[in-house]
Protein backbone atom coordinates (compact mmCIF):
# COMPACT_ATOMS: atom_id res chain seq x y z
CA MET A 1 20.90 11.04 20.98
CA LYS A 2 23.20 11.09 17.78
CA VAL A 3 22.94 9.17 14.71
CA ILE A 4 25.96 7.95 12.70
CA ASN A 5 27.59 7.99 9.47
CA ASP A 6 24.90 9.01 6.43
CA TYR A 7 21.92 8.16 8.54
CA ILE A 8 19.10 10.90 9.66
CA LEU A 9 16.60 10.37 12.38
CA ILE A 10 13.33 12.25 11.48
CA GLU A 11 9.80 12.89 12.37
CA LYS A 12 7.12 12.17 10.10
CA LEU A 13 4.99 15.19 9.25
CA SER A 14 1.52 14.90 7.97
CA GLU A 15 0.33 16.94 5.16
CA GLU A 16 -3.03 17.52 2.93
CA ARG A 17 -2.46 16.05 -0.74
CA LYS A 18 -4.42 17.53 -3.43
CA THR A 19 -4.28 17.02 -6.65
CA GLU A 20 -3.45 19.48 -9.70
CA HIS A 21 -6.99 20.57 -9.63
CA GLY A 22 -7.28 21.01 -6.05
CA ILE A 23 -9.42 17.50 -5.10
CA LEU A 24 -8.06 16.35 -1.78
CA LEU A 25 -7.00 12.97 -1.30
CA SER A 26 -8.00 10.23 0.84
CA GLY A 27 -5.88 9.01 3.45
CA HIS A 28 -5.90 5.75 1.49
CA ASP A 29 -4.85 7.60 -1.78
CA ALA A 30 -2.09 10.10 -0.18
CA LYS A 31 -0.71 6.29 1.20
CA ASP A 32 0.35 5.41 -2.18
CA MET A 33 2.54 8.44 -2.78
CA ARG A 34 5.92 7.55 -2.54
CA TYR A 35 7.44 10.65 -1.21
CA ARG A 36 7.13 12.07 2.45
CA LYS A 37 7.85 14.75 4.28
CA GLY A 38 9.83 14.79 8.10
CA LYS A 39 11.59 16.93 9.87
CA VAL A 40 14.94 16.49 10.92
CA LEU A 41 15.93 15.45 14.70
CA SER A 42 19.33 14.60 13.90
CA SER A 43 21.70 14.25 11.18
CA GLY A 44 25.26 15.06 10.55
CA ASN A 45 24.83 17.21 7.63
CA LEU A 46 21.38 18.73 7.85
CA ASN A 47 20.44 21.24 10.35
CA GLU A 48 18.03 19.75 13.25
CA GLY A 49 14.40 21.13 12.45
CA ASP A 50 15.24 21.15 8.29
CA THR A 51 12.20 20.00 6.46
CA ILE A 52 12.74 17.09 3.96
CA TYR A 53 11.24 14.93 1.57
CA TYR A 54 12.31 11.29 1.60
CA ASP A 55 11.64 8.08 -0.14
CA LYS A 56 9.34 6.32 2.28
CA THR A 57 10.15 2.87 0.89
CA ARG A 58 13.47 2.98 2.26
CA SER A 59 12.71 4.14 5.35
CA PHE A 60 12.21 2.22 8.79
CA ALA A 61 10.61 2.89 12.48
CA LEU A 62 12.44 2.59 15.71
CA ILE A 63 10.97 3.51 19.29
CA VAL A 64 13.42 5.90 20.88
CA GLU A 65 12.76 7.43 24.55
CA GLY A 66 9.14 6.06 23.98
CA LYS A 67 8.61 8.35 20.99
CA GLU A 68 8.26 6.64 17.39
CA VAL A 69 10.78 7.98 15.08
CA THR A 70 11.66 7.03 11.31
CA VAL A 71 15.43 6.42 10.38
CA ILE A 72 16.44 6.85 6.72
CA ARG A 73 20.27 7.36 4.82
CA MET A 74 20.95 10.76 3.12
CA ALA A 75 20.79 9.42 -0.06
CA ASP A 76 17.14 9.16 0.12
CA VAL A 77 16.54 12.93 0.92
CA VAL A 78 15.24 14.10 -2.25
CA VAL A 79 14.34 17.82 -1.22
CA VAL A 80 15.37 19.88 1.99
CA LEU A 81 13.02 22.84 2.11
């Protein structure tokens, strides 16, 4: 499977969210965060396996080969770890 143009195929990664003071956020509170963490599955410009933060409001989900994946555009990546 290969994405085209400036699209990136990612797998969402879950992470524990803490406030500055160490308070764990509930799933409901963490859901309100705009940026999410993901792992690159396929991209023309990033390496497979890169961990990124992306704008969740600009993503959409697909079922590919029986697995749910997320598709975003390169412009929606804000950080590459």
